[in-house]
Amino acid sequence: MTTEIQLALKSLDDSFSCEEEKKLSLLMEELERWNKKINLTAIRDRSKMISLHLLDSLVAAPLIKGGTVLDVGTGPGFPGLPLAIVQQHRHFTLLDSNNKKIMFVEHMTRLLGLNNVSAIKMRSEDYAPGLGFDTVIARAVASLPKLLKIAGHLVGEDGVFISLKGRYPVKELEEVKEIKAKWSHIVKELYVPGFNKGSRHAVLLRR
């Protein structure tokens, strides 16, 4: 899979070190291996895994701010693990209530030697760390109204909440009255190799 990963990474407008490429490749190999046993993701095709999980995570890297990042509903570690591999100057907390998925995250954290990652098995609405995070990010977790309800409290002062979406979420933005009252937002289109233009967006919310 290493060559396939290298070719995929070259399609991004970014550069990666040999060490980062090796770790990203190992992450995807382990995801594929574990997925055959305990069903971590419904995606089985290797190329789709790379596009839908790896590349779709890495395109969010330029949006991350500050030194502390929370990945809400991380699943088997996406986008948190790929981002932690390429941004080792930041600390990532990966949160999910699914035990087997957190087990995989912990396994990969040890295997890759990621000292900048913490894995927590808990629902976001029950998580109360004391201090908020500089960046809270969520990918394929819930609608914007629900996300703000269950995880809005985890955004620190001057922090940003990033919700990775598919097509421009017109209906969700209209439905969330809290955004207009308490949150300012901008929407950025993301380019992910393998996706059609206009099919991926990031909603950035600030208080």
C-alpha atoms as a PDB file:
ATOM      1  CA  MET A   1       0.000   0.000   0.000  1.00  0.00           C
ATOM      2  CA  THR A   2       2.983   2.322   0.490  1.00  0.00           C
ATOM      3  CA  THR A   3       3.302   3.244  -3.194  1.00  0.00           C
ATOM      4  CA  GLU A   4      -0.436   3.830  -3.456  1.00  0.00           C
ATOM      5  CA  ILE A   5      -0.288   6.123  -0.411  1.00  0.00           C
ATOM      6  CA  GLN A   6       2.676   8.029  -1.842  1.00  0.00           C
ATOM      7  CA  LEU A   7       0.851   8.626  -5.118  1.00  0.00           C
ATOM      8  CA  ALA A   8      -2.272   9.737  -3.255  1.00  0.00           C
ATOM      9  CA  LEU A   9      -0.315  12.146  -1.054  1.00  0.00           C
ATOM     10  CA  LYS A  10       1.301  13.712  -4.113  1.00  0.00           C
ATOM     11  CA  SER A  11      -2.174  14.680  -5.294  1.00  0.00           C
ATOM     12  CA  LEU A  12      -2.499  17.010  -2.304  1.00  0.00           C
ATOM     13  CA  ASP A  13      -1.129  20.534  -2.406  1.00  0.00           C
ATOM     14  CA  ASP A  14       1.316  19.766   0.389  1.00  0.00           C
ATOM     15  CA  SER A  15       4.598  18.001   1.076  1.00  0.00           C
ATOM     16  CA  PHE A  16       5.218  15.151   3.504  1.00  0.00           C
ATOM     17  CA  SER A  17       8.421  13.754   4.957  1.00  0.00           C
ATOM     18  CA  CYS A  18       9.438  10.136   4.398  1.00  0.00           C
ATOM     19  CA  GLU A  19       8.663   9.428   8.051  1.00  0.00           C
ATOM     20  CA  GLU A  20       5.181  10.903   7.725  1.00  0.00           C
ATOM     21  CA  GLU A  21       4.515   8.887   4.572  1.00  0.00           C
ATOM     22  CA  LYS A  22       5.595   5.692   6.329  1.00  0.00           C
ATOM     23  CA  LYS A  23       3.332   6.360   9.308  1.00  0.00           C
ATOM     24  CA  LEU A  24       0.354   7.283   7.147  1.00  0.00           C
ATOM     25  CA  SER A  25       0.860   4.130   5.100  1.00  0.00           C
ATOM     26  CA  LEU A  26       1.097   1.969   8.221  1.00  0.00           C
ATOM     27  CA  LEU A  27      -2.066   3.579   9.582  1.00  0.00           C
ATOM     28  CA  MET A  28      -4.024   2.635   6.476  1.00  0.00           C
ATOM     29  CA  GLU A  29      -2.561  -0.875   6.353  1.00  0.00           C
ATOM     30  CA  GLU A  30      -3.598  -1.479   9.956  1.00  0.00           C
ATOM     31  CA  LEU A  31      -7.045  -0.011   9.353  1.00  0.00           C
ATOM     32  CA  GLU A  32      -7.557  -2.414   6.463  1.00  0.00           C
ATOM     33  CA  ARG A  33      -6.263  -5.361   8.505  1.00  0.00           C
ATOM     34  CA  TRP A  34      -8.349  -4.619  11.603  1.00  0.00           C
ATOM     35  CA  ASN A  35     -11.417  -3.819   9.540  1.00  0.00           C
ATOM     36  CA  LYS A  36     -11.545  -7.388   8.250  1.00  0.00           C
ATOM     37  CA  LYS A  37     -11.917  -8.602  11.833  1.00  0.00           C
ATOM     38  CA  ILE A  38     -13.921  -6.042  13.797  1.00  0.00           C
ATOM     39  CA  ASN A  39     -15.615  -3.791  11.220  1.00  0.00           C
ATOM     40  CA  LEU A  40     -14.233  -0.331  11.970  1.00  0.00           C
ATOM     41  CA  THR A  41     -15.606   1.232   8.789  1.00  0.00           C
ATOM     42  CA  ALA A  42     -18.158   0.301   6.147  1.00  0.00           C
ATOM     43  CA  ILE A  43     -15.631   1.206   3.443  1.00  0.00           C
ATOM     44  CA  ARG A  44     -13.798  -1.905   2.238  1.00  0.00           C
ATOM     45  CA  ASP A  45     -12.154  -0.822  -1.001  1.00  0.00           C
ATOM     46  CA  ARG A  46      -8.541   0.232  -0.429  1.00  0.00           C
ATOM     47  CA  SER A  47      -8.577   3.169  -2.843  1.00  0.00           C
ATOM     48  CA  LYS A  48     -11.802   4.479  -1.339  1.00  0.00           C
ATOM     49  CA  MET A  49     -10.349   4.118   2.152  1.00  0.00           C
ATOM     50  CA  ILE A  50      -7.420   6.287   1.132  1.00  0.00           C
ATOM     51  CA  SER A  51      -9.607   8.924  -0.476  1.00  0.00           C
ATOM     52  CA  LEU A  52     -12.556   8.931   1.950  1.00  0.00           C
ATOM     53  CA  HIS A  53     -10.562   8.602   5.166  1.00  0.00           C
ATOM     54  CA  LEU A  54      -6.939   9.650   4.687  1.00  0.00           C
ATOM     55  CA  LEU A  55      -7.077  12.433   2.091  1.00  0.00           C
ATOM     56  CA  ASP A  56     -10.387  13.743   3.410  1.00  0.00           C
ATOM     57  CA  SER A  57      -8.706  14.132   6.810  1.00  0.00           C
ATOM     58  CA  LEU A  58      -5.464  15.715   5.633  1.00  0.00           C
ATOM     59  CA  VAL A  59      -7.146  18.508   3.656  1.00  0.00           C
ATOM     60  CA  ALA A  60      -8.305  19.928   6.996  1.00  0.00           C
ATOM     61  CA  ALA A  61      -4.720  20.427   8.216  1.00  0.00           C
ATOM     62  CA  PRO A  62      -4.429  24.120   7.204  1.00  0.00           C
ATOM     63  CA  LEU A  63      -7.607  24.914   9.170  1.00  0.00           C
ATOM     64  CA  ILE A  64      -6.277  23.702  12.543  1.00  0.00           C
ATOM     65  CA  LYS A  65      -5.364  26.452  15.012  1.00  0.00           C
ATOM     66  CA  GLY A  66      -3.609  26.513  18.385  1.00  0.00           C
ATOM     67  CA  GLY A  67      -1.846  23.846  20.383  1.00  0.00           C
ATOM     68  CA  THR A  68      -4.765  21.684  21.545  1.00  0.00           C
ATOM     69  CA  VAL A  69      -7.154  19.845  19.234  1.00  0.00           C
ATOM     70  CA  LEU A  70     -10.190  17.697  20.033  1.00  0.00           C
ATOM     71  CA  ASP A  71     -11.518  15.244  17.451  1.00  0.00           C
ATOM     72  CA  VAL A  72     -15.164  14.603  18.374  1.00  0.00           C
ATOM     73  CA  GLY A  73     -16.560  11.240  17.269  1.00  0.00           C
ATOM     74  CA  THR A  74     -13.195  10.215  15.891  1.00  0.00           C
ATOM     75  CA  GLY A  75     -14.307   6.664  15.016  1.00  0.00           C
ATOM     76  CA  PRO A  76     -11.157   4.707  14.127  1.00  0.00           C
ATOM     77  CA  GLY A  77      -9.099   7.897  14.351  1.00  0.00           C
ATOM     78  CA  PHE A  78     -10.116  10.136  11.463  1.00  0.00           C
ATOM     79  CA  PRO A  79      -9.283  12.936  11.023  1.00  0.00           C
ATOM     80  CA  GLY A  80      -7.324  12.914  14.308  1.00  0.00           C
ATOM     81  CA  LEU A  81      -4.615  10.326  13.608  1.00  0.00           C
ATOM     82  CA  PRO A  82      -3.554  11.586  10.150  1.00  0.00           C
ATOM     83  CA  LEU A  83      -3.516  15.159  11.461  1.00  0.00           C
ATOM     84  CA  ALA A  84      -1.479  14.158  14.519  1.00  0.00           C
ATOM     85  CA  ILE A  85       1.077  12.446  12.281  1.00  0.00           C
ATOM     86  CA  VAL A  86       1.675  15.576  10.198  1.00  0.00           C
ATOM     87  CA  GLN A  87       1.254  18.115  13.037  1.00  0.00           C
ATOM     88  CA  GLN A  88       3.292  16.719  15.894  1.00  0.00           C
ATOM     89  CA  HIS A  89       3.685  20.178  17.442  1.00  0.00           C
ATOM     90  CA  ARG A  90       0.024  20.000  18.489  1.00  0.00           C
ATOM     91  CA  HIS A  91      -1.668  17.720  21.015  1.00  0.00           C
ATOM     92  CA  PHE A  92      -4.698  15.800  19.769  1.00  0.00           C
ATOM     93  CA  THR A  93      -7.413  14.311  21.963  1.00  0.00           C
ATOM     94  CA  LEU A  94      -9.483  11.702  20.122  1.00  0.00           C
ATOM     95  CA  LEU A  95     -12.924  11.156  21.613  1.00  0.00           C
ATOM     96  CA  ASP A  96     -15.418   8.395  20.826  1.00  0.00           C
ATOM     97  CA  SER A  97     -17.902   6.261  22.752  1.00  0.00           C
ATOM     98  CA  ASN A  98     -17.241   3.111  20.703  1.00  0.00           C
ATOM     99  CA  ASN A  99     -14.894   0.789  22.573  1.00  0.00           C
ATOM    100  CA  LYS A 100     -13.483  -1.145  19.604  1.00  0.00           C
ATOM    101  CA  LYS A 101     -12.721   2.051  17.703  1.00  0.00           C
ATOM    102  CA  ILE A 102     -10.919   3.582  20.669  1.00  0.00           C
ATOM    103  CA  MET A 103      -8.981   0.315  21.030  1.00  0.00           C
ATOM    104  CA  PHE A 104      -7.780   0.765  17.451  1.00  0.00           C
ATOM    105  CA  VAL A 105      -6.823   4.392  18.117  1.00  0.00           C
ATOM    106  CA  GLU A 106      -4.822   3.342  21.188  1.00  0.00           C
ATOM    107  CA  HIS A 107      -3.149   0.560  19.193  1.00  0.00           C
ATOM    108  CA  MET A 108      -2.115   2.981  16.440  1.00  0.00           C
ATOM    109  CA  THR A 109      -0.928   5.570  18.946  1.00  0.00           C
ATOM    110  CA  ARG A 110       1.459   3.013  20.441  1.00  0.00           C
ATOM    111  CA  LEU A 111       2.491   1.508  17.104  1.00  0.00           C
ATOM    112  CA  LEU A 112       3.263   4.897  15.539  1.00  0.00           C
ATOM    113  CA  GLY A 113       4.854   6.344  18.671  1.00  0.00           C
ATOM    114  CA  LEU A 114       2.474   9.305  18.718  1.00  0.00           C
ATOM    115  CA  ASN A 115       3.221  11.061  21.996  1.00  0.00           C
ATOM    116  CA  ASN A 116       0.907  13.898  20.972  1.00  0.00           C
ATOM    117  CA  VAL A 117      -2.280  11.801  21.019  1.00  0.00           C
ATOM    118  CA  SER A 118      -4.682  10.910  23.832  1.00  0.00           C
ATOM    119  CA  ALA A 119      -7.637   8.572  23.293  1.00  0.00           C
ATOM    120  CA  ILE A 120     -10.766   8.849  25.436  1.00  0.00           C
ATOM    121  CA  LYS A 121     -13.796   6.548  25.415  1.00  0.00           C
ATOM    122  CA  MET A 122     -16.704   8.821  26.273  1.00  0.00           C
ATOM    123  CA  ARG A 123     -19.658  10.629  24.753  1.00  0.00           C
ATOM    124  CA  SER A 124     -18.896  14.247  23.924  1.00  0.00           C
ATOM    125  CA  GLU A 125     -21.872  15.531  25.929  1.00  0.00           C
ATOM    126  CA  ASP A 126     -20.430  13.827  29.038  1.00  0.00           C
ATOM    127  CA  TYR A 127     -16.870  15.036  28.481  1.00  0.00           C
ATOM    128  CA  ALA A 128     -15.860  17.947  30.724  1.00  0.00           C
ATOM    129  CA  PRO A 129     -12.087  18.492  30.560  1.00  0.00           C
ATOM    130  CA  GLY A 130     -12.087  21.808  32.429  1.00  0.00           C
ATOM    131  CA  LEU A 131     -10.308  23.834  29.788  1.00  0.00           C
ATOM    132  CA  GLY A 132     -11.692  24.141  26.280  1.00  0.00           C
ATOM    133  CA  PHE A 133      -9.702  23.295  23.161  1.00  0.00           C
ATOM    134  CA  ASP A 134      -8.159  25.659  20.629  1.00  0.00           C
ATOM    135  CA  THR A 135      -9.702  23.597  17.829  1.00  0.00           C
ATOM    136  CA  VAL A 136     -12.606  21.168  17.990  1.00  0.00           C
ATOM    137  CA  ILE A 137     -13.122  19.188  14.798  1.00  0.00           C
ATOM    138  CA  ALA A 138     -15.857  16.758  13.776  1.00  0.00           C
ATOM    139  CA  ARG A 139     -16.169  14.711  10.612  1.00  0.00           C
ATOM    140  CA  ALA A 140     -19.287  12.787   9.578  1.00  0.00           C
ATOM    141  CA  VAL A 141     -20.651  12.889  13.124  1.00  0.00           C
ATOM    142  CA  ALA A 142     -23.946  14.800  13.198  1.00  0.00           C
ATOM    143  CA  SER A 143     -25.837  17.807  11.878  1.00  0.00           C
ATOM    144  CA  LEU A 144     -24.596  21.264  12.840  1.00  0.00           C
ATOM    145  CA  PRO A 145     -27.438  21.852  15.332  1.00  0.00           C
ATOM    146  CA  LYS A 146     -26.703  18.585  17.118  1.00  0.00           C
ATOM    147  CA  LEU A 147     -22.930  19.111  17.025  1.00  0.00           C
ATOM    148  CA  LEU A 148     -23.201  22.457  18.753  1.00  0.00           C
ATOM    149  CA  LYS A 149     -25.544  20.966  21.329  1.00  0.00           C
ATOM    150  CA  ILE A 150     -23.317  18.025  22.252  1.00  0.00           C
ATOM    151  CA  ALA A 151     -19.860  19.527  21.771  1.00  0.00           C
ATOM    152  CA  GLY A 152     -20.082  23.315  21.595  1.00  0.00           C
ATOM    153  CA  HIS A 153     -19.050  23.554  25.258  1.00  0.00           C
ATOM    154  CA  LEU A 154     -15.678  22.007  24.406  1.00  0.00           C
ATOM    155  CA  VAL A 155     -14.491  24.967  22.325  1.00  0.00           C
ATOM    156  CA  GLY A 156     -12.124  27.173  24.311  1.00  0.00           C
ATOM    157  CA  GLU A 157     -12.030  30.951  24.433  1.00  0.00           C
ATOM    158  CA  ASP A 158     -11.038  32.260  20.994  1.00  0.00           C
ATOM    159  CA  GLY A 159     -11.238  28.664  19.757  1.00  0.00           C
ATOM    160  CA  VAL A 160     -12.725  27.355  16.526  1.00  0.00           C
ATOM    161  CA  PHE A 161     -15.206  24.544  15.853  1.00  0.00           C
ATOM    162  CA  ILE A 162     -14.616  22.873  12.484  1.00  0.00           C
ATOM    163  CA  SER A 163     -17.352  20.691  11.035  1.00  0.00           C
ATOM    164  CA  LEU A 164     -16.305  18.768   7.928  1.00  0.00           C
ATOM    165  CA  LYS A 165     -19.255  18.374   5.587  1.00  0.00           C
ATOM    166  CA  GLY A 166     -20.169  17.143   2.145  1.00  0.00           C
ATOM    167  CA  ARG A 167     -22.002  19.592  -0.080  1.00  0.00           C
ATOM    168  CA  TYR A 168     -22.677  23.143   1.101  1.00  0.00           C
ATOM    169  CA  PRO A 169     -24.956  22.646   4.154  1.00  0.00           C
ATOM    170  CA  VAL A 170     -27.581  25.252   3.287  1.00  0.00           C
ATOM    171  CA  LYS A 171     -30.405  23.665   5.263  1.00  0.00           C
ATOM    172  CA  GLU A 172     -28.292  23.057   8.373  1.00  0.00           C
ATOM    173  CA  LEU A 173     -27.036  26.638   8.429  1.00  0.00           C
ATOM    174  CA  GLU A 174     -30.590  27.921   8.121  1.00  0.00           C
ATOM    175  CA  GLU A 175     -31.820  25.654  10.914  1.00  0.00           C
ATOM    176  CA  VAL A 176     -29.207  26.579  13.487  1.00  0.00           C
ATOM    177  CA  LYS A 177     -30.490  29.711  15.186  1.00  0.00           C
ATOM    178  CA  GLU A 178     -27.655  29.452  17.711  1.00  0.00           C
ATOM    179  CA  ILE A 179     -25.152  30.125  14.941  1.00  0.00           C
ATOM    180  CA  LYS A 180     -26.712  33.511  14.274  1.00  0.00           C
ATOM    181  CA  ALA A 181     -27.109  34.356  17.961  1.00  0.00           C
ATOM    182  CA  LYS A 182     -23.922  32.958  19.499  1.00  0.00           C
ATOM    183  CA  TRP A 183     -21.646  31.816  16.707  1.00  0.00           C
ATOM    184  CA  SER A 184     -20.167  33.465  13.650  1.00  0.00           C
ATOM    185  CA  HIS A 185     -19.363  31.155  10.779  1.00  0.00           C
ATOM    186  CA  ILE A 186     -17.650  30.889   7.443  1.00  0.00           C
ATOM    187  CA  VAL A 187     -17.802  28.015   4.976  1.00  0.00           C
ATOM    188  CA  LYS A 188     -14.765  26.926   2.976  1.00  0.00           C
ATOM    189  CA  GLU A 189     -14.803  24.588   0.010  1.00  0.00           C
ATOM    190  CA  LEU A 190     -12.249  21.790   0.248  1.00  0.00           C
ATOM    191  CA  TYR A 191     -10.593  19.999  -2.639  1.00  0.00           C
ATOM    192  CA  VAL A 192     -10.168  16.286  -1.999  1.00  0.00           C
ATOM    193  CA  PRO A 193      -8.668  14.199  -4.819  1.00  0.00           C
ATOM    194  CA  GLY A 194     -11.261  11.672  -5.927  1.00  0.00           C
ATOM    195  CA  PHE A 195     -14.210  13.896  -5.016  1.00  0.00           C
ATOM    196  CA  ASN A 196     -16.187  16.048  -7.430  1.00  0.00           C
ATOM    197  CA  LYS A 197     -15.819  19.807  -7.175  1.00  0.00           C
ATOM    198  CA  GLY A 198     -18.198  21.272  -4.618  1.00  0.00           C
ATOM    199  CA  SER A 199     -18.681  17.986  -2.776  1.00  0.00           C
ATOM    200  CA  ARG A 200     -16.612  18.770   0.344  1.00  0.00           C
ATOM    201  CA  HIS A 201     -16.835  21.781   2.669  1.00  0.00           C
ATOM    202  CA  ALA A 202     -15.702  22.882   6.109  1.00  0.00           C
ATOM    203  CA  VAL A 203     -17.859  25.030   8.371  1.00  0.00           C
ATOM    204  CA  LEU A 204     -15.739  27.100  10.768  1.00  0.00           C
ATOM    205  CA  LEU A 205     -17.611  28.434  13.784  1.00  0.00           C
ATOM    206  CA  ARG A 206     -16.428  30.934  16.385  1.00  0.00           C
ATOM    207  CA  ARG A 207     -18.182  32.514  19.319  1.00  0.00           C
END
